[in-house]
Amino acid sequence: VLMPEPDKSQHDGYLEHYHQTGERKIIGIGREVVGQRKDGSLFPF
């Protein structure tokens, strides 16, 4: 709910892939991503 597209639609797949393979894309690494506020505005964090 805190993500814009396309991350919103793809997040469950990212999480499921991690549970199955243990392959990390961001866990323990960190990176710059984009969030979506309640008012719909996007911001970097």
ModelCIF file with pLDDT and N, C-alpha, C, O atoms, coordinates in Angstrom:
data_MODEL
#
_entry.id   MODEL 
#
_entity.id                         1 
_entity.type                       polymer 
_entity.pdbx_number_of_molecules   1 
#
_entity_poly.entity_id                      1 
_entity_poly.type                           'polypeptide(L)' 
_entity_poly.nstd_linkage                   no 
_entity_poly.nstd_monomer                   no 
_entity_poly.pdbx_seq_one_letter_code       VLMPEPDKSQHDGYLEHYHQTGERKIIGIGREVVGQRKDGSLFPF 
_entity_poly.pdbx_seq_one_letter_code_can   VLMPEPDKSQHDGYLEHYHQTGERKIIGIGREVVGQRKDGSLFPF 
_entity_poly.pdbx_strand_id                 A 
#
loop_
_entity_poly_seq.entity_id 
_entity_poly_seq.num 
_entity_poly_seq.mon_id 
_entity_poly_seq.hetero 
1 1  VAL n 
1 2  LEU n 
1 3  MET n 
1 4  PRO n 
1 5  GLU n 
1 6  PRO n 
1 7  ASP n 
1 8  LYS n 
1 9  SER n 
1 10 GLN n 
1 11 HIS n 
1 12 ASP n 
1 13 GLY n 
1 14 TYR n 
1 15 LEU n 
1 16 GLU n 
1 17 HIS n 
1 18 TYR n 
1 19 HIS n 
1 20 GLN n 
1 21 THR n 
1 22 GLY n 
1 23 GLU n 
1 24 ARG n 
1 25 LYS n 
1 26 ILE n 
1 27 ILE n 
1 28 GLY n 
1 29 ILE n 
1 30 GLY n 
1 31 ARG n 
1 32 GLU n 
1 33 VAL n 
1 34 VAL n 
1 35 GLY n 
1 36 GLN n 
1 37 ARG n 
1 38 LYS n 
1 39 ASP n 
1 40 GLY n 
1 41 SER n 
1 42 LEU n 
1 43 PHE n 
1 44 PRO n 
1 45 PHE n 
#
_struct_asym.id          A 
_struct_asym.entity_id   1 
#
loop_
_ma_qa_metric.id 
_ma_qa_metric.mode 
_ma_qa_metric.name 
_ma_qa_metric.software_group_id 
_ma_qa_metric.type 
1 global pLDDT . pLDDT 
2 local  pLDDT . pLDDT 
#
_ma_qa_metric_global.metric_id      1 
_ma_qa_metric_global.metric_value   85.73 
_ma_qa_metric_global.model_id       1 
_ma_qa_metric_global.ordinal_id     1 
#
loop_
_ma_qa_metric_local.label_asym_id 
_ma_qa_metric_local.label_comp_id 
_ma_qa_metric_local.label_seq_id 
_ma_qa_metric_local.metric_id 
_ma_qa_metric_local.metric_value 
_ma_qa_metric_local.model_id 
_ma_qa_metric_local.ordinal_id 
A VAL 1  2 93.00 1 1  
A LEU 2  2 95.00 1 2  
A MET 3  2 93.00 1 3  
A PRO 4  2 93.00 1 4  
A GLU 5  2 92.00 1 5  
A PRO 6  2 91.00 1 6  
A ASP 7  2 87.00 1 7  
A LYS 8  2 89.00 1 8  
A SER 9  2 89.00 1 9  
A GLN 10 2 87.00 1 10 
A HIS 11 2 86.00 1 11 
A ASP 12 2 83.00 1 12 
A GLY 13 2 84.00 1 13 
A TYR 14 2 83.00 1 14 
A LEU 15 2 84.00 1 15 
A GLU 16 2 84.00 1 16 
A HIS 17 2 82.00 1 17 
A TYR 18 2 82.00 1 18 
A HIS 19 2 81.00 1 19 
A GLN 20 2 82.00 1 20 
A THR 21 2 81.00 1 21 
A GLY 22 2 74.00 1 22 
A GLU 23 2 75.00 1 23 
A ARG 24 2 72.00 1 24 
A LYS 25 2 69.00 1 25 
A ILE 26 2 70.00 1 26 
A ILE 27 2 71.00 1 27 
A GLY 28 2 66.00 1 28 
A ILE 29 2 72.00 1 29 
A GLY 30 2 75.00 1 30 
A ARG 31 2 86.00 1 31 
A GLU 32 2 89.00 1 32 
A VAL 33 2 91.00 1 33 
A VAL 34 2 93.00 1 34 
A GLY 35 2 93.00 1 35 
A GLN 36 2 95.00 1 36 
A ARG 37 2 95.00 1 37 
A LYS 38 2 94.00 1 38 
A ASP 39 2 95.00 1 39 
A GLY 40 2 94.00 1 40 
A SER 41 2 94.00 1 41 
A LEU 42 2 94.00 1 42 
A PHE 43 2 94.00 1 43 
A PRO 44 2 93.00 1 44 
A PHE 45 2 93.00 1 45 
#
loop_
_atom_site.group_PDB 
_atom_site.id 
_atom_site.type_symbol 
_atom_site.label_atom_id 
_atom_site.label_alt_id 
_atom_site.label_comp_id 
_atom_site.label_asym_id 
_atom_site.label_entity_id 
_atom_site.label_seq_id 
_atom_site.pdbx_PDB_ins_code 
_atom_site.Cartn_x 
_atom_site.Cartn_y 
_atom_site.Cartn_z 
_atom_site.occupancy 
_atom_site.B_iso_or_equiv 
_atom_site.pdbx_formal_charge 
_atom_site.auth_seq_id 
_atom_site.auth_comp_id 
_atom_site.auth_asym_id 
_atom_site.auth_atom_id 
_atom_site.pdbx_PDB_model_num 
ATOM 1   N N  . VAL A 1 1  ? 0.830  -1.201  0.000   1.00 93.00 ? 1  VAL A N  1 
ATOM 2   C CA . VAL A 1 1  ? 0.000  0.000   0.000   1.00 93.00 ? 1  VAL A CA 1 
ATOM 3   C C  . VAL A 1 1  ? 0.872  1.262   0.000   1.00 93.00 ? 1  VAL A C  1 
ATOM 4   O O  . VAL A 1 1  ? 0.418  2.344   -0.373  1.00 93.00 ? 1  VAL A O  1 
ATOM 5   N N  . LEU A 1 2  ? 2.117  1.104   0.420   1.00 95.00 ? 2  LEU A N  1 
ATOM 6   C CA . LEU A 1 2  ? 3.046  2.240   0.468   1.00 95.00 ? 2  LEU A CA 1 
ATOM 7   C C  . LEU A 1 2  ? 3.902  2.348   -0.781  1.00 95.00 ? 2  LEU A C  1 
ATOM 8   O O  . LEU A 1 2  ? 4.849  3.135   -0.815  1.00 95.00 ? 2  LEU A O  1 
ATOM 9   N N  . MET A 1 3  ? 3.578  1.554   -1.830  1.00 93.00 ? 3  MET A N  1 
ATOM 10  C CA . MET A 1 3  ? 4.413  1.514   -3.035  1.00 93.00 ? 3  MET A CA 1 
ATOM 11  C C  . MET A 1 3  ? 3.630  1.966   -4.261  1.00 93.00 ? 3  MET A C  1 
ATOM 12  O O  . MET A 1 3  ? 2.432  1.700   -4.366  1.00 93.00 ? 3  MET A O  1 
ATOM 13  N N  . PRO A 1 4  ? 4.303  2.651   -5.194  1.00 93.00 ? 4  PRO A N  1 
ATOM 14  C CA . PRO A 1 4  ? 3.678  2.954   -6.485  1.00 93.00 ? 4  PRO A CA 1 
ATOM 15  C C  . PRO A 1 4  ? 3.879  1.772   -7.428  1.00 93.00 ? 4  PRO A C  1 
ATOM 16  O O  . PRO A 1 4  ? 4.593  0.820   -7.114  1.00 93.00 ? 4  PRO A O  1 
ATOM 17  N N  . GLU A 1 5  ? 3.240  1.853   -8.575  1.00 92.00 ? 5  GLU A N  1 
ATOM 18  C CA . GLU A 1 5  ? 3.489  0.856   -9.615  1.00 92.00 ? 5  GLU A CA 1 
ATOM 19  C C  . GLU A 1 5  ? 4.861  1.116   -10.230 1.00 92.00 ? 5  GLU A C  1 
ATOM 20  O O  . GLU A 1 5  ? 5.282  2.272   -10.281 1.00 92.00 ? 5  GLU A O  1 
ATOM 21  N N  . PRO A 1 6  ? 5.594  0.068   -10.711 1.00 91.00 ? 6  PRO A N  1 
ATOM 22  C CA . PRO A 1 6  ? 5.169  -1.343  -10.799 1.00 91.00 ? 6  PRO A CA 1 
ATOM 23  C C  . PRO A 1 6  ? 5.508  -2.150  -9.552  1.00 91.00 ? 6  PRO A C  1 
ATOM 24  O O  . PRO A 1 6  ? 5.182  -3.335  -9.481  1.00 91.00 ? 6  PRO A O  1 
ATOM 25  N N  . ASP A 1 7  ? 6.180  -1.506  -8.530  1.00 87.00 ? 7  ASP A N  1 
ATOM 26  C CA . ASP A 1 7  ? 6.578  -2.270  -7.349  1.00 87.00 ? 7  ASP A CA 1 
ATOM 27  C C  . ASP A 1 7  ? 5.362  -2.823  -6.608  1.00 87.00 ? 7  ASP A C  1 
ATOM 28  O O  . ASP A 1 7  ? 5.431  -3.911  -6.038  1.00 87.00 ? 7  ASP A O  1 
ATOM 29  N N  . LYS A 1 8  ? 4.233  -2.076  -6.610  1.00 89.00 ? 8  LYS A N  1 
ATOM 30  C CA . LYS A 1 8  ? 3.031  -2.513  -5.886  1.00 89.00 ? 8  LYS A CA 1 
ATOM 31  C C  . LYS A 1 8  ? 2.566  -3.875  -6.390  1.00 89.00 ? 8  LYS A C  1 
ATOM 32  O O  . LYS A 1 8  ? 2.259  -4.764  -5.595  1.00 89.00 ? 8  LYS A O  1 
ATOM 33  N N  . SER A 1 9  ? 2.516  -4.038  -7.714  1.00 89.00 ? 9  SER A N  1 
ATOM 34  C CA . SER A 1 9  ? 2.027  -5.302  -8.293  1.00 89.00 ? 9  SER A CA 1 
ATOM 35  C C  . SER A 1 9  ? 3.041  -6.424  -8.176  1.00 89.00 ? 9  SER A C  1 
ATOM 36  O O  . SER A 1 9  ? 2.672  -7.598  -8.155  1.00 89.00 ? 9  SER A O  1 
ATOM 37  N N  . GLN A 1 10 ? 4.311  -6.072  -8.100  1.00 87.00 ? 10 GLN A N  1 
ATOM 38  C CA . GLN A 1 10 ? 5.340  -7.095  -8.139  1.00 87.00 ? 10 GLN A CA 1 
ATOM 39  C C  . GLN A 1 10 ? 5.862  -7.506  -6.754  1.00 87.00 ? 10 GLN A C  1 
ATOM 40  O O  . GLN A 1 10 ? 6.626  -8.466  -6.644  1.00 87.00 ? 10 GLN A O  1 
ATOM 41  N N  . HIS A 1 11 ? 5.449  -6.774  -5.678  1.00 86.00 ? 11 HIS A N  1 
ATOM 42  C CA . HIS A 1 11 ? 6.052  -7.017  -4.377  1.00 86.00 ? 11 HIS A CA 1 
ATOM 43  C C  . HIS A 1 11 ? 5.801  -8.417  -3.839  1.00 86.00 ? 11 HIS A C  1 
ATOM 44  O O  . HIS A 1 11 ? 6.715  -9.053  -3.314  1.00 86.00 ? 11 HIS A O  1 
ATOM 45  N N  . ASP A 1 12 ? 4.553  -8.910  -3.964  1.00 83.00 ? 12 ASP A N  1 
ATOM 46  C CA . ASP A 1 12 ? 4.252  -10.245 -3.444  1.00 83.00 ? 12 ASP A CA 1 
ATOM 47  C C  . ASP A 1 12 ? 5.127  -11.280 -4.131  1.00 83.00 ? 12 ASP A C  1 
ATOM 48  O O  . ASP A 1 12 ? 5.568  -12.237 -3.494  1.00 83.00 ? 12 ASP A O  1 
ATOM 49  N N  . GLY A 1 13 ? 5.381  -11.104 -5.410  1.00 84.00 ? 13 GLY A N  1 
ATOM 50  C CA . GLY A 1 13 ? 6.247  -12.024 -6.146  1.00 84.00 ? 13 GLY A CA 1 
ATOM 51  C C  . GLY A 1 13 ? 7.673  -11.961 -5.639  1.00 84.00 ? 13 GLY A C  1 
ATOM 52  O O  . GLY A 1 13 ? 8.341  -12.990 -5.540  1.00 84.00 ? 13 GLY A O  1 
ATOM 53  N N  . TYR A 1 14 ? 8.167  -10.728 -5.304  1.00 83.00 ? 14 TYR A N  1 
ATOM 54  C CA . TYR A 1 14 ? 9.512  -10.599 -4.751  1.00 83.00 ? 14 TYR A CA 1 
ATOM 55  C C  . TYR A 1 14 ? 9.628  -11.392 -3.442  1.00 83.00 ? 14 TYR A C  1 
ATOM 56  O O  . TYR A 1 14 ? 10.599 -12.116 -3.223  1.00 83.00 ? 14 TYR A O  1 
ATOM 57  N N  . LEU A 1 15 ? 8.613  -11.236 -2.577  1.00 84.00 ? 15 LEU A N  1 
ATOM 58  C CA . LEU A 1 15 ? 8.642  -11.874 -1.266  1.00 84.00 ? 15 LEU A CA 1 
ATOM 59  C C  . LEU A 1 15 ? 8.567  -13.399 -1.389  1.00 84.00 ? 15 LEU A C  1 
ATOM 60  O O  . LEU A 1 15 ? 9.292  -14.120 -0.703  1.00 84.00 ? 15 LEU A O  1 
ATOM 61  N N  . GLU A 1 16 ? 7.682  -13.884 -2.272  1.00 84.00 ? 16 GLU A N  1 
ATOM 62  C CA . GLU A 1 16 ? 7.541  -15.321 -2.477  1.00 84.00 ? 16 GLU A CA 1 
ATOM 63  C C  . GLU A 1 16 ? 8.832  -15.917 -3.037  1.00 84.00 ? 16 GLU A C  1 
ATOM 64  O O  . GLU A 1 16 ? 9.256  -17.002 -2.639  1.00 84.00 ? 16 GLU A O  1 
ATOM 65  N N  . HIS A 1 17 ? 9.451  -15.181 -3.972  1.00 82.00 ? 17 HIS A N  1 
ATOM 66  C CA . HIS A 1 17 ? 10.699 -15.655 -4.564  1.00 82.00 ? 17 HIS A CA 1 
ATOM 67  C C  . HIS A 1 17 ? 11.785 -15.772 -3.489  1.00 82.00 ? 17 HIS A C  1 
ATOM 68  O O  . HIS A 1 17 ? 12.587 -16.706 -3.520  1.00 82.00 ? 17 HIS A O  1 
ATOM 69  N N  . TYR A 1 18 ? 11.814 -14.836 -2.543  1.00 82.00 ? 18 TYR A N  1 
ATOM 70  C CA . TYR A 1 18 ? 12.815 -14.899 -1.473  1.00 82.00 ? 18 TYR A CA 1 
ATOM 71  C C  . TYR A 1 18 ? 12.575 -16.096 -0.564  1.00 82.00 ? 18 TYR A C  1 
ATOM 72  O O  . TYR A 1 18 ? 13.519 -16.782 -0.171  1.00 82.00 ? 18 TYR A O  1 
ATOM 73  N N  . HIS A 1 19 ? 11.302 -16.350 -0.227  1.00 81.00 ? 19 HIS A N  1 
ATOM 74  C CA . HIS A 1 19 ? 10.988 -17.486 0.643   1.00 81.00 ? 19 HIS A CA 1 
ATOM 75  C C  . HIS A 1 19 ? 11.394 -18.801 -0.009  1.00 81.00 ? 19 HIS A C  1 
ATOM 76  O O  . HIS A 1 19 ? 11.833 -19.732 0.667   1.00 81.00 ? 19 HIS A O  1 
ATOM 77  N N  . GLN A 1 20 ? 11.241 -18.867 -1.341  1.00 82.00 ? 20 GLN A N  1 
ATOM 78  C CA . GLN A 1 20 ? 11.536 -20.124 -2.042  1.00 82.00 ? 20 GLN A CA 1 
ATOM 79  C C  . GLN A 1 20 ? 13.033 -20.312 -2.296  1.00 82.00 ? 20 GLN A C  1 
ATOM 80  O O  . GLN A 1 20 ? 13.552 -21.424 -2.192  1.00 82.00 ? 20 GLN A O  1 
ATOM 81  N N  . THR A 1 21 ? 13.717 -19.223 -2.628  1.00 81.00 ? 21 THR A N  1 
ATOM 82  C CA . THR A 1 21 ? 15.117 -19.361 -3.067  1.00 81.00 ? 21 THR A CA 1 
ATOM 83  C C  . THR A 1 21 ? 16.123 -18.815 -2.071  1.00 81.00 ? 21 THR A C  1 
ATOM 84  O O  . THR A 1 21 ? 17.294 -19.194 -2.099  1.00 81.00 ? 21 THR A O  1 
ATOM 85  N N  . GLY A 1 22 ? 15.674 -17.921 -1.185  1.00 74.00 ? 22 GLY A N  1 
ATOM 86  C CA . GLY A 1 22 ? 16.616 -17.271 -0.269  1.00 74.00 ? 22 GLY A CA 1 
ATOM 87  C C  . GLY A 1 22 ? 17.475 -16.220 -0.947  1.00 74.00 ? 22 GLY A C  1 
ATOM 88  O O  . GLY A 1 22 ? 18.405 -15.689 -0.339  1.00 74.00 ? 22 GLY A O  1 
ATOM 89  N N  . GLU A 1 23 ? 17.170 -15.910 -2.218  1.00 75.00 ? 23 GLU A N  1 
ATOM 90  C CA . GLU A 1 23 ? 17.951 -14.907 -2.976  1.00 75.00 ? 23 GLU A CA 1 
ATOM 91  C C  . GLU A 1 23 ? 17.508 -13.499 -2.584  1.00 75.00 ? 23 GLU A C  1 
ATOM 92  O O  . GLU A 1 23 ? 16.344 -13.130 -2.738  1.00 75.00 ? 23 GLU A O  1 
ATOM 93  N N  . ARG A 1 24 ? 18.444 -12.738 -2.085  1.00 72.00 ? 24 ARG A N  1 
ATOM 94  C CA . ARG A 1 24 ? 18.119 -11.392 -1.602  1.00 72.00 ? 24 ARG A CA 1 
ATOM 95  C C  . ARG A 1 24 ? 18.289 -10.349 -2.725  1.00 72.00 ? 24 ARG A C  1 
ATOM 96  O O  . ARG A 1 24 ? 19.257 -10.364 -3.485  1.00 72.00 ? 24 ARG A O  1 
ATOM 97  N N  . LYS A 1 25 ? 17.320 -9.467  -2.785  1.00 69.00 ? 25 LYS A N  1 
ATOM 98  C CA . LYS A 1 25 ? 17.437 -8.348  -3.737  1.00 69.00 ? 25 LYS A CA 1 
ATOM 99  C C  . LYS A 1 25 ? 17.690 -7.029  -3.008  1.00 69.00 ? 25 LYS A C  1 
ATOM 100 O O  . LYS A 1 25 ? 18.289 -6.103  -3.555  1.00 69.00 ? 25 LYS A O  1 
ATOM 101 N N  . ILE A 1 26 ? 17.222 -6.966  -1.769  1.00 70.00 ? 26 ILE A N  1 
ATOM 102 C CA . ILE A 1 26 ? 17.419 -5.720  -1.009  1.00 70.00 ? 26 ILE A CA 1 
ATOM 103 C C  . ILE A 1 26 ? 17.703 -5.975  0.457   1.00 70.00 ? 26 ILE A C  1 
ATOM 104 O O  . ILE A 1 26 ? 18.280 -5.123  1.133   1.00 70.00 ? 26 ILE A O  1 
ATOM 105 N N  . ILE A 1 27 ? 17.306 -7.139  0.959   1.00 71.00 ? 27 ILE A N  1 
ATOM 106 C CA . ILE A 1 27 ? 17.491 -7.447  2.383   1.00 71.00 ? 27 ILE A CA 1 
ATOM 107 C C  . ILE A 1 27 ? 18.979 -7.445  2.715   1.00 71.00 ? 27 ILE A C  1 
ATOM 108 O O  . ILE A 1 27 ? 19.776 -8.130  2.075   1.00 71.00 ? 27 ILE A O  1 
ATOM 109 N N  . GLY A 1 28 ? 19.332 -6.663  3.727   1.00 66.00 ? 28 GLY A N  1 
ATOM 110 C CA . GLY A 1 28 ? 20.721 -6.570  4.155   1.00 66.00 ? 28 GLY A CA 1 
ATOM 111 C C  . GLY A 1 28 ? 21.611 -5.756  3.241   1.00 66.00 ? 28 GLY A C  1 
ATOM 112 O O  . GLY A 1 28 ? 22.817 -5.650  3.464   1.00 66.00 ? 28 GLY A O  1 
ATOM 113 N N  . ILE A 1 29 ? 21.009 -5.179  2.207   1.00 72.00 ? 29 ILE A N  1 
ATOM 114 C CA . ILE A 1 29 ? 21.821 -4.402  1.242   1.00 72.00 ? 29 ILE A CA 1 
ATOM 115 C C  . ILE A 1 29 ? 21.455 -2.924  1.319   1.00 72.00 ? 29 ILE A C  1 
ATOM 116 O O  . ILE A 1 29 ? 22.313 -2.077  1.569   1.00 72.00 ? 29 ILE A O  1 
ATOM 117 N N  . GLY A 1 30 ? 20.203 -2.626  1.107   1.00 75.00 ? 30 GLY A N  1 
ATOM 118 C CA . GLY A 1 30 ? 19.734 -1.246  1.102   1.00 75.00 ? 30 GLY A CA 1 
ATOM 119 C C  . GLY A 1 30 ? 19.882 -0.586  -0.252  1.00 75.00 ? 30 GLY A C  1 
ATOM 120 O O  . GLY A 1 30 ? 20.835 -0.841  -0.988  1.00 75.00 ? 30 GLY A O  1 
ATOM 121 N N  . ARG A 1 31 ? 18.923 0.265   -0.565  1.00 86.00 ? 31 ARG A N  1 
ATOM 122 C CA . ARG A 1 31 ? 18.990 0.982   -1.844  1.00 86.00 ? 31 ARG A CA 1 
ATOM 123 C C  . ARG A 1 31 ? 17.982 2.131   -1.842  1.00 86.00 ? 31 ARG A C  1 
ATOM 124 O O  . ARG A 1 31 ? 17.163 2.265   -0.933  1.00 86.00 ? 31 ARG A O  1 
ATOM 125 N N  . GLU A 1 32 ? 18.067 2.942   -2.876  1.00 89.00 ? 32 GLU A N  1 
ATOM 126 C CA . GLU A 1 32 ? 17.119 4.049   -3.032  1.00 89.00 ? 32 GLU A CA 1 
ATOM 127 C C  . GLU A 1 32 ? 15.875 3.543   -3.749  1.00 89.00 ? 32 GLU A C  1 
ATOM 128 O O  . GLU A 1 32 ? 15.980 2.931   -4.812  1.00 89.00 ? 32 GLU A O  1 
ATOM 129 N N  . VAL A 1 33 ? 14.708 3.788   -3.184  1.00 91.00 ? 33 VAL A N  1 
ATOM 130 C CA . VAL A 1 33 ? 13.440 3.381   -3.794  1.00 91.00 ? 33 VAL A CA 1 
ATOM 131 C C  . VAL A 1 33 ? 12.468 4.562   -3.763  1.00 91.00 ? 33 VAL A C  1 
ATOM 132 O O  . VAL A 1 33 ? 12.785 5.635   -3.250  1.00 91.00 ? 33 VAL A O  1 
ATOM 133 N N  . VAL A 1 34 ? 11.282 4.339   -4.322  1.00 93.00 ? 34 VAL A N  1 
ATOM 134 C CA . VAL A 1 34 ? 10.258 5.380   -4.374  1.00 93.00 ? 34 VAL A CA 1 
ATOM 135 C C  . VAL A 1 34 ? 9.055  4.926   -3.564  1.00 93.00 ? 34 VAL A C  1 
ATOM 136 O O  . VAL A 1 34 ? 8.588  3.799   -3.728  1.00 93.00 ? 34 VAL A O  1 
ATOM 137 N N  . GLY A 1 35 ? 8.546  5.791   -2.689  1.00 93.00 ? 35 GLY A N  1 
ATOM 138 C CA . GLY A 1 35 ? 7.368  5.491   -1.892  1.00 93.00 ? 35 GLY A CA 1 
ATOM 139 C C  . GLY A 1 35 ? 6.177  6.310   -2.354  1.00 93.00 ? 35 GLY A C  1 
ATOM 140 O O  . GLY A 1 35 ? 6.315  7.299   -3.074  1.00 93.00 ? 35 GLY A O  1 
ATOM 141 N N  . GLN A 1 36 ? 4.987  5.865   -1.911  1.00 95.00 ? 36 GLN A N  1 
ATOM 142 C CA . GLN A 1 36 ? 3.753  6.570   -2.275  1.00 95.00 ? 36 GLN A CA 1 
ATOM 143 C C  . GLN A 1 36 ? 3.016  6.948   -1.003  1.00 95.00 ? 36 GLN A C  1 
ATOM 144 O O  . GLN A 1 36 ? 2.685  6.094   -0.180  1.00 95.00 ? 36 GLN A O  1 
ATOM 145 N N  . ARG A 1 37 ? 2.766  8.238   -0.856  1.00 95.00 ? 37 ARG A N  1 
ATOM 146 C CA . ARG A 1 37 ? 2.064  8.727   0.319   1.00 95.00 ? 37 ARG A CA 1 
ATOM 147 C C  . ARG A 1 37 ? 0.561  8.494   0.177   1.00 95.00 ? 37 ARG A C  1 
ATOM 148 O O  . ARG A 1 37 ? 0.060  8.084   -0.870  1.00 95.00 ? 37 ARG A O  1 
ATOM 149 N N  . LYS A 1 38 ? -0.125 8.772   1.270   1.00 94.00 ? 38 LYS A N  1 
ATOM 150 C CA . LYS A 1 38 ? -1.574 8.596   1.275   1.00 94.00 ? 38 LYS A CA 1 
ATOM 151 C C  . LYS A 1 38 ? -2.251 9.476   0.228   1.00 94.00 ? 38 LYS A C  1 
ATOM 152 O O  . LYS A 1 38 ? -3.249 9.077   -0.372  1.00 94.00 ? 38 LYS A O  1 
ATOM 153 N N  . ASP A 1 39 ? -1.704 10.681  0.009   1.00 95.00 ? 39 ASP A N  1 
ATOM 154 C CA . ASP A 1 39 ? -2.307 11.600  -0.967  1.00 95.00 ? 39 ASP A CA 1 
ATOM 155 C C  . ASP A 1 39 ? -1.917 11.272  -2.406  1.00 95.00 ? 39 ASP A C  1 
ATOM 156 O O  . ASP A 1 39 ? -2.279 12.001  -3.330  1.00 95.00 ? 39 ASP A O  1 
ATOM 157 N N  . GLY A 1 40 ? -1.180 10.177  -2.598  1.00 94.00 ? 40 GLY A N  1 
ATOM 158 C CA . GLY A 1 40 ? -0.809 9.749   -3.941  1.00 94.00 ? 40 GLY A CA 1 
ATOM 159 C C  . GLY A 1 40 ? 0.516  10.287  -4.432  1.00 94.00 ? 40 GLY A C  1 
ATOM 160 O O  . GLY A 1 40 ? 1.012  9.857   -5.473  1.00 94.00 ? 40 GLY A O  1 
ATOM 161 N N  . SER A 1 41 ? 1.108  11.239  -3.687  1.00 94.00 ? 41 SER A N  1 
ATOM 162 C CA . SER A 1 41 ? 2.383  11.808  -4.126  1.00 94.00 ? 41 SER A CA 1 
ATOM 163 C C  . SER A 1 41 ? 3.511  10.808  -3.932  1.00 94.00 ? 41 SER A C  1 
ATOM 164 O O  . SER A 1 41 ? 3.497  10.015  -2.991  1.00 94.00 ? 41 SER A O  1 
ATOM 165 N N  . LEU A 1 42 ? 4.470  10.852  -4.815  1.00 94.00 ? 42 LEU A N  1 
ATOM 166 C CA . LEU A 1 42 ? 5.626  9.955   -4.775  1.00 94.00 ? 42 LEU A CA 1 
ATOM 167 C C  . LEU A 1 42 ? 6.825  10.701  -4.203  1.00 94.00 ? 42 LEU A C  1 
ATOM 168 O O  . LEU A 1 42 ? 6.949  11.913  -4.376  1.00 94.00 ? 42 LEU A O  1 
ATOM 169 N N  . PHE A 1 43 ? 7.697  9.983   -3.531  1.00 94.00 ? 43 PHE A N  1 
ATOM 170 C CA . PHE A 1 43 ? 8.887  10.611  -2.975  1.00 94.00 ? 43 PHE A CA 1 
ATOM 171 C C  . PHE A 1 43 ? 9.990  9.561   -2.890  1.00 94.00 ? 43 PHE A C  1 
ATOM 172 O O  . PHE A 1 43 ? 9.715  8.367   -2.773  1.00 94.00 ? 43 PHE A O  1 
ATOM 173 N N  . PRO A 1 44 ? 11.255 10.024  -2.950  1.00 93.00 ? 44 PRO A N  1 
ATOM 174 C CA . PRO A 1 44 ? 12.379 9.077   -2.867  1.00 93.00 ? 44 PRO A CA 1 
ATOM 175 C C  . PRO A 1 44 ? 12.805 8.856   -1.412  1.00 93.00 ? 44 PRO A C  1 
ATOM 176 O O  . PRO A 1 44 ? 12.741 9.774   -0.594  1.00 93.00 ? 44 PRO A O  1 
ATOM 177 N N  . PHE A 1 45 ? 13.237 7.646   -1.102  1.00 93.00 ? 45 PHE A N  1 
ATOM 178 C CA . PHE A 1 45 ? 13.798 7.390   0.220   1.00 93.00 ? 45 PHE A CA 1 
ATOM 179 C C  . PHE A 1 45 ? 14.810 6.255   0.132   1.00 93.00 ? 45 PHE A C  1 
ATOM 180 O O  . PHE A 1 45 ? 15.404 5.877   1.141   1.00 93.00 ? 45 PHE A O  1 
#
